[in-house]
N, C-alpha and C. Protein backbone atom coordinates (compact mmCIF):
# COMPACT_ATOMS: atom_id res chain seq x y z
N UNK A 1 -23.81 23.92 -41.25
CA UNK A 1 -24.02 23.18 -40.28
C UNK A 1 -24.38 21.72 -40.15
N UNK A 2 -23.47 20.97 -39.10
CA UNK A 2 -24.10 19.74 -39.17
C UNK A 2 -25.11 19.46 -38.02
N UNK A 3 -26.09 18.55 -38.09
CA UNK A 3 -26.70 18.23 -37.31
C UNK A 3 -26.53 17.50 -36.25
N UNK A 4 -26.74 17.47 -35.09
CA UNK A 4 -26.23 16.80 -33.58
C UNK A 4 -26.81 15.47 -33.94
N UNK A 5 -25.72 14.39 -33.43
CA UNK A 5 -25.72 12.93 -33.66
C UNK A 5 -26.56 12.54 -32.83
N UNK A 6 -27.65 12.01 -32.71
CA UNK A 6 -28.63 11.50 -32.05
C UNK A 6 -28.13 10.53 -30.78
N UNK A 7 -27.00 9.62 -31.51
CA UNK A 7 -26.20 8.44 -30.50
C UNK A 7 -25.10 9.32 -29.58
N UNK A 8 -24.86 10.40 -29.69
CA UNK A 8 -23.61 11.10 -29.26
C UNK A 8 -23.93 10.94 -27.71
N UNK A 9 -25.13 11.33 -27.06
CA UNK A 9 -25.05 11.48 -25.64
C UNK A 9 -25.00 9.45 -24.98
N UNK A 10 -25.32 9.05 -25.83
CA UNK A 10 -25.53 7.06 -25.51
C UNK A 10 -23.66 6.96 -25.30
N UNK A 11 -23.00 7.70 -26.49
CA UNK A 11 -22.19 7.11 -26.48
C UNK A 11 -21.02 7.70 -25.56
N UNK A 12 -21.35 9.34 -25.03
CA UNK A 12 -20.66 9.72 -24.11
C UNK A 12 -20.74 9.22 -22.80
N UNK A 13 -21.78 8.92 -22.54
CA UNK A 13 -22.65 7.85 -21.59
C UNK A 13 -21.46 6.88 -21.25
N UNK A 14 -21.65 5.80 -22.34
CA UNK A 14 -20.59 4.87 -22.29
C UNK A 14 -19.26 4.97 -22.44
N UNK A 15 -18.79 6.24 -22.99
CA UNK A 15 -17.32 6.33 -22.01
C UNK A 15 -17.17 6.98 -21.08
N UNK A 16 -18.28 7.49 -20.25
CA UNK A 16 -17.99 7.84 -18.71
C UNK A 16 -18.07 6.55 -18.06
N UNK A 17 -19.14 5.62 -18.50
CA UNK A 17 -18.91 4.17 -17.64
C UNK A 17 -17.76 3.54 -17.66
N UNK A 18 -17.35 3.99 -18.87
CA UNK A 18 -16.04 2.99 -18.77
C UNK A 18 -14.86 2.97 -18.21
N UNK A 19 -14.62 5.00 -18.17
CA UNK A 19 -13.83 5.68 -17.49
C UNK A 19 -14.20 5.59 -15.82
N UNK A 20 -15.14 5.44 -15.44
CA UNK A 20 -15.63 5.05 -14.20
C UNK A 20 -15.12 3.92 -13.68
N UNK A 21 -15.24 2.84 -14.51
CA UNK A 21 -14.49 1.28 -14.06
C UNK A 21 -13.20 1.22 -14.15
N UNK A 22 -12.52 1.55 -15.28
CA UNK A 22 -10.80 1.89 -14.83
C UNK A 22 -10.17 2.71 -13.81
N UNK A 23 -11.09 4.01 -13.49
CA UNK A 23 -10.60 4.41 -12.05
C UNK A 23 -11.05 3.44 -11.08
N UNK A 24 -11.76 3.03 -11.03
CA UNK A 24 -12.27 2.00 -9.55
C UNK A 24 -11.35 0.69 -9.57
N UNK A 25 -10.57 0.22 -10.71
CA UNK A 25 -9.63 -0.34 -10.90
C UNK A 25 -8.46 -0.14 -10.59
N UNK A 26 -8.10 1.23 -11.01
CA UNK A 26 -6.87 2.00 -10.44
C UNK A 26 -6.70 2.54 -8.89
N UNK A 27 -7.75 2.53 -8.22
CA UNK A 27 -8.06 2.76 -7.34
C UNK A 27 -7.59 1.61 -6.32
N UNK A 28 -8.16 0.56 -6.70
CA UNK A 28 -7.90 -0.71 -6.20
C UNK A 28 -6.34 -1.13 -6.14
N UNK A 29 -5.71 -0.94 -7.31
CA UNK A 29 -4.43 -1.70 -7.56
C UNK A 29 -3.68 -0.32 -6.80
N UNK A 30 -3.81 0.73 -6.64
CA UNK A 30 -3.17 1.74 -5.68
C UNK A 30 -3.20 1.66 -4.39
N UNK A 31 -4.37 0.79 -3.86
CA UNK A 31 -4.68 0.41 -2.22
C UNK A 31 -3.92 -0.29 -2.49
N UNK A 32 -3.90 -1.46 -2.87
CA UNK A 32 -3.52 -3.07 -3.21
C UNK A 32 -1.94 -3.08 -3.03
N UNK A 33 -1.08 -1.72 -3.91
CA UNK A 33 0.29 -1.59 -4.04
C UNK A 33 0.91 -0.86 -2.18
N UNK A 34 0.28 0.19 -2.28
CA UNK A 34 0.66 1.01 -1.12
C UNK A 34 0.93 -0.33 0.30
N UNK A 35 -0.29 -1.17 0.55
CA UNK A 35 -0.38 -2.22 1.18
C UNK A 35 0.72 -3.11 0.93
N UNK A 36 1.41 -3.27 -0.29
CA UNK A 36 2.88 -4.24 -0.28
C UNK A 36 3.89 -3.03 0.04
N UNK A 37 3.61 -1.96 -0.36
CA UNK A 37 4.78 -1.45 0.07
C UNK A 37 5.27 -1.05 1.31
N UNK A 38 4.41 -0.71 2.50
CA UNK A 38 4.38 -0.89 3.43
C UNK A 38 4.74 -1.97 4.12
N UNK A 39 4.16 -3.18 3.66
CA UNK A 39 4.81 -4.58 4.39
C UNK A 39 6.44 -4.84 4.33
N UNK A 40 6.41 -4.40 2.66
CA UNK A 40 7.81 -4.58 2.29
C UNK A 40 9.30 -3.59 2.85
N UNK A 41 8.18 -2.42 3.52
CA UNK A 41 9.12 -1.38 4.08
C UNK A 41 9.11 -1.48 5.62
N UNK A 42 7.70 -2.74 6.46
CA UNK A 42 7.82 -3.54 7.59
C UNK A 42 9.57 -4.72 7.80
N UNK A 43 9.36 -5.41 6.41
CA UNK A 43 10.42 -6.48 6.11
C UNK A 43 11.56 -5.64 6.26
N UNK A 44 12.15 -4.50 5.15
CA UNK A 44 13.23 -3.95 5.62
C UNK A 44 13.43 -3.86 6.87
N UNK A 45 12.79 -2.82 7.46
CA UNK A 45 13.42 -2.37 8.87
C UNK A 45 13.63 -3.32 9.72
N UNK A 46 12.95 -4.55 9.68
CA UNK A 46 13.14 -5.87 10.44
C UNK A 46 14.68 -6.50 9.91
N UNK A 47 14.95 -6.32 8.78
CA UNK A 47 16.47 -6.95 8.30
C UNK A 47 17.06 -5.99 8.76
N UNK A 48 17.27 -4.96 8.48
CA UNK A 48 18.27 -3.60 8.91
C UNK A 48 18.49 -4.05 11.19
N UNK A 49 17.61 -4.06 11.59
CA UNK A 49 17.64 -4.71 12.80
C UNK A 49 18.21 -6.08 12.68
N UNK A 50 17.97 -6.65 12.17
CA UNK A 50 19.10 -8.14 12.29
C UNK A 50 20.10 -7.57 12.30
N UNK A 51 21.00 -7.27 10.59
CA UNK A 51 21.60 -6.57 10.32
C UNK A 51 22.92 -6.26 11.49
N UNK A 52 21.96 -5.12 12.28
CA UNK A 52 23.07 -4.38 12.99
C UNK A 52 22.87 -5.39 14.10
N UNK A 53 21.84 -6.01 15.11
CA UNK A 53 21.86 -7.46 15.67
C UNK A 53 23.19 -8.03 15.72
N UNK A 54 23.56 -8.43 14.35
CA UNK A 54 24.29 -9.65 13.55
C UNK A 54 25.71 -8.61 13.93
N UNK A 55 26.15 -7.48 13.59
CA UNK A 55 27.03 -7.09 13.97
C UNK A 55 27.68 -6.73 15.16
N UNK A 56 26.61 -6.34 15.74
CA UNK A 56 27.14 -6.46 17.36
C UNK A 56 27.64 -8.03 17.68
N UNK A 57 27.18 -8.90 17.53
CA UNK A 57 27.30 -10.23 17.98
C UNK A 57 28.93 -10.49 17.29
N UNK A 58 29.01 -10.11 16.25
CA UNK A 58 30.07 -10.08 15.55
C UNK A 58 31.65 -9.88 16.32
N UNK A 59 31.35 -8.66 16.86
CA UNK A 59 32.46 -8.14 18.05
C UNK A 59 33.27 -7.47 16.99
N UNK A 60 34.32 -7.49 17.37
CA UNK A 60 35.66 -6.89 16.68
C UNK A 60 36.24 -7.77 15.02
N UNK A 61 35.26 -8.72 14.90
CA UNK A 61 36.22 -9.25 13.52
C UNK A 61 35.92 -8.71 12.15
N UNK A 62 35.20 -7.77 12.39
CA UNK A 62 34.93 -7.13 10.84
C UNK A 62 36.14 -5.91 10.77
N UNK A 63 36.55 -5.74 11.93
CA UNK A 63 37.95 -4.43 12.10
C UNK A 63 38.84 -5.24 11.80
N UNK A 64 39.18 -6.67 11.72
CA UNK A 64 40.28 -7.10 11.56
C UNK A 64 40.94 -6.69 9.77
N UNK A 65 40.02 -6.58 9.37
CA UNK A 65 40.47 -6.12 7.60
C UNK A 65 39.85 -7.50 6.89
N UNK A 66 40.21 -6.75 5.32
CA UNK A 66 39.81 -8.15 4.44
C UNK A 66 40.56 -9.21 5.01
N UNK A 67 40.36 -10.62 4.91
CA UNK A 67 40.84 -11.65 5.12
C UNK A 67 41.59 -12.30 3.53
N UNK A 68 42.65 -13.11 3.92
CA UNK A 68 43.11 -13.31 2.17
C UNK A 68 42.72 -14.93 2.21
N UNK A 69 42.42 -15.10 1.33
CA UNK A 69 41.82 -16.52 1.10
C UNK A 69 43.15 -17.35 0.47
N UNK A 70 44.10 -17.23 0.41
CA UNK A 70 45.39 -17.93 0.17
C UNK A 70 45.38 -18.53 1.90
N UNK A 71 45.48 -18.06 2.46
CA UNK A 71 45.72 -18.56 4.05
C UNK A 71 45.11 -19.58 4.54
N UNK A 72 43.55 -19.28 4.15
CA UNK A 72 42.23 -20.78 4.44
C UNK A 72 42.82 -21.84 4.03
N UNK A 73 42.57 -22.85 4.61
CA UNK A 73 43.01 -24.17 4.05
C UNK A 73 41.28 -24.52 3.23
N UNK A 74 41.75 -25.54 2.24
CA UNK A 74 40.63 -25.62 1.60
C UNK A 74 39.66 -26.85 2.41
N UNK A 75 38.10 -26.92 1.99
CA UNK A 75 37.35 -27.38 2.70
C UNK A 75 37.75 -29.49 3.22
N UNK A 76 38.49 -29.50 2.27
CA UNK A 76 38.73 -31.00 1.99
C UNK A 76 39.87 -31.50 2.92
N UNK A 77 40.81 -30.34 3.42
CA UNK A 77 41.88 -30.48 4.14
C UNK A 77 41.49 -30.89 5.87
């Protein structure tokens, strides 16, 4: 039978403290990432509304089909 290590409780307390510190940093990081994702979703929603508005302004131009670049003059003419 082995005798208990007198420093084992100190080591366990140290490991527990380190885990609590890591948990605290992880929770802070999670909160920051959640806020970032929410901000990005707001930006995506705004961009989708803007694209829809631009499509409405464009009217029937998008219904004409793909354009042929050979029919267009180069910019220097």
